[in-house]
Amino acid sequence: MSDLNRGIMKFDGADNPKSIAISAVIVLGSIAALVFWALQSAYALG
C-alpha cells in the first residue's frame, strides 16, 4: 500500500495519477479563485 492510500485518502485508486491530477486541479483552481476574489474585493480591478 502506498502512502497516498492512507489517512484521508482511504479508497482504492487514491494513488492513481488520474485522481491525483483531478485533485490537484481542484485545489489549485480553488486557490486561484480565492486569490482572484480577494484581489477583486480589495482593489477596484476593472
N, C-alpha and C. Protein backbone atom coordinates (compact mmCIF):
# COMPACT_ATOMS: atom_id res chain seq x y z
N MET A 1 0.84 -1.18 0.00
CA MET A 1 0.00 0.00 0.00
C MET A 1 0.88 1.23 0.00
N SER A 2 0.58 2.17 -0.87
CA SER A 2 1.39 3.38 -0.93
C SER A 2 0.95 4.37 0.15
N ASP A 3 1.75 5.40 0.36
CA ASP A 3 1.43 6.40 1.36
C ASP A 3 0.21 7.22 1.00
N LEU A 4 -0.11 7.31 -0.30
CA LEU A 4 -1.27 8.10 -0.72
C LEU A 4 -2.58 7.38 -0.45
N ASN A 5 -2.53 6.11 -0.11
CA ASN A 5 -3.74 5.33 0.13
C ASN A 5 -4.04 5.23 1.62
N ARG A 6 -3.60 6.19 2.40
CA ARG A 6 -3.80 6.18 3.85
C ARG A 6 -4.44 7.49 4.29
N GLY A 7 -4.86 7.53 5.51
CA GLY A 7 -5.39 8.76 6.08
C GLY A 7 -6.69 9.18 5.44
N ILE A 8 -6.74 10.40 4.94
CA ILE A 8 -7.98 10.94 4.38
C ILE A 8 -8.30 10.31 3.02
N MET A 9 -7.30 9.75 2.36
CA MET A 9 -7.50 9.18 1.02
C MET A 9 -7.70 7.67 1.11
N LYS A 10 -8.63 7.22 1.94
CA LYS A 10 -8.84 5.78 2.14
C LYS A 10 -9.83 5.23 1.12
N PHE A 11 -9.43 5.16 -0.13
CA PHE A 11 -10.24 4.48 -1.12
C PHE A 11 -9.32 3.87 -2.16
N ASP A 12 -9.80 2.85 -2.81
CA ASP A 12 -8.97 2.18 -3.82
C ASP A 12 -8.71 3.13 -4.98
N GLY A 13 -7.49 3.18 -5.41
CA GLY A 13 -7.11 4.04 -6.51
C GLY A 13 -6.77 5.45 -6.08
N ALA A 14 -6.55 5.68 -4.80
CA ALA A 14 -6.19 7.02 -4.32
C ALA A 14 -4.82 7.43 -4.83
N ASP A 15 -3.99 6.45 -5.15
CA ASP A 15 -2.66 6.77 -5.67
C ASP A 15 -2.62 6.71 -7.19
N ASN A 16 -3.78 6.68 -7.82
CA ASN A 16 -3.89 6.69 -9.27
C ASN A 16 -3.49 8.08 -9.78
N PRO A 17 -2.62 8.18 -10.78
CA PRO A 17 -2.21 9.50 -11.28
C PRO A 17 -3.38 10.35 -11.77
N LYS A 18 -4.42 9.71 -12.29
CA LYS A 18 -5.58 10.46 -12.77
C LYS A 18 -6.31 11.14 -11.60
N SER A 19 -6.50 10.44 -10.50
CA SER A 19 -7.18 11.03 -9.35
C SER A 19 -6.31 12.10 -8.69
N ILE A 20 -5.01 11.91 -8.72
CA ILE A 20 -4.10 12.93 -8.17
C ILE A 20 -4.17 14.20 -9.02
N ALA A 21 -4.21 14.05 -10.33
CA ALA A 21 -4.30 15.21 -11.22
C ALA A 21 -5.62 15.95 -11.03
N ILE A 22 -6.71 15.22 -10.89
CA ILE A 22 -8.01 15.86 -10.68
C ILE A 22 -8.02 16.61 -9.36
N SER A 23 -7.49 16.01 -8.32
CA SER A 23 -7.42 16.67 -7.01
C SER A 23 -6.55 17.93 -7.08
N ALA A 24 -5.43 17.84 -7.77
CA ALA A 24 -4.54 19.00 -7.89
C ALA A 24 -5.22 20.14 -8.63
N VAL A 25 -5.96 19.82 -9.70
CA VAL A 25 -6.66 20.86 -10.46
C VAL A 25 -7.73 21.52 -9.59
N ILE A 26 -8.45 20.72 -8.82
CA ILE A 26 -9.49 21.28 -7.94
C ILE A 26 -8.88 22.18 -6.88
N VAL A 27 -7.82 21.73 -6.24
CA VAL A 27 -7.19 22.51 -5.17
C VAL A 27 -6.58 23.79 -5.73
N LEU A 28 -5.80 23.69 -6.81
CA LEU A 28 -5.16 24.87 -7.38
C LEU A 28 -6.18 25.83 -7.98
N GLY A 29 -7.24 25.30 -8.56
CA GLY A 29 -8.30 26.16 -9.08
C GLY A 29 -9.02 26.91 -7.97
N SER A 30 -9.24 26.24 -6.85
CA SER A 30 -9.88 26.91 -5.71
C SER A 30 -8.99 28.01 -5.15
N ILE A 31 -7.70 27.74 -5.06
CA ILE A 31 -6.77 28.76 -4.57
C ILE A 31 -6.75 29.96 -5.53
N ALA A 32 -6.71 29.69 -6.83
CA ALA A 32 -6.70 30.78 -7.81
C ALA A 32 -7.99 31.59 -7.72
N ALA A 33 -9.13 30.92 -7.55
CA ALA A 33 -10.40 31.64 -7.43
C ALA A 33 -10.43 32.50 -6.18
N LEU A 34 -9.90 32.00 -5.08
CA LEU A 34 -9.86 32.79 -3.84
C LEU A 34 -8.94 33.99 -3.97
N VAL A 35 -7.80 33.82 -4.62
CA VAL A 35 -6.88 34.95 -4.82
C VAL A 35 -7.53 35.99 -5.72
N PHE A 36 -8.17 35.55 -6.79
CA PHE A 36 -8.86 36.47 -7.70
C PHE A 36 -9.97 37.22 -6.97
N TRP A 37 -10.76 36.50 -6.18
CA TRP A 37 -11.84 37.13 -5.43
C TRP A 37 -11.28 38.15 -4.42
N ALA A 38 -10.17 37.79 -3.76
CA ALA A 38 -9.57 38.70 -2.78
C ALA A 38 -9.06 39.97 -3.46
N LEU A 39 -8.44 39.81 -4.63
CA LEU A 39 -7.96 40.99 -5.36
C LEU A 39 -9.13 41.85 -5.85
N GLN A 40 -10.21 41.20 -6.28
CA GLN A 40 -11.39 41.94 -6.73
C GLN A 40 -12.00 42.74 -5.60
N SER A 41 -12.07 42.16 -4.42
CA SER A 41 -12.73 42.86 -3.32
C SER A 41 -11.79 43.86 -2.63
N ALA A 42 -10.49 43.67 -2.74
CA ALA A 42 -9.56 44.59 -2.09
C ALA A 42 -9.27 45.81 -2.96
N TYR A 43 -9.23 45.61 -4.28
CA TYR A 43 -8.88 46.68 -5.20
C TYR A 43 -9.95 46.77 -6.27
N ALA A 44 -10.11 47.95 -6.82
CA ALA A 44 -11.07 48.14 -7.90
C ALA A 44 -10.41 47.74 -9.22
N LEU A 45 -10.48 46.47 -9.54
CA LEU A 45 -9.90 45.97 -10.78
C LEU A 45 -11.00 45.86 -11.83
N GLY A 46 -11.02 46.74 -12.74
CA GLY A 46 -11.98 46.68 -13.83
C GLY A 46 -13.37 46.95 -13.38
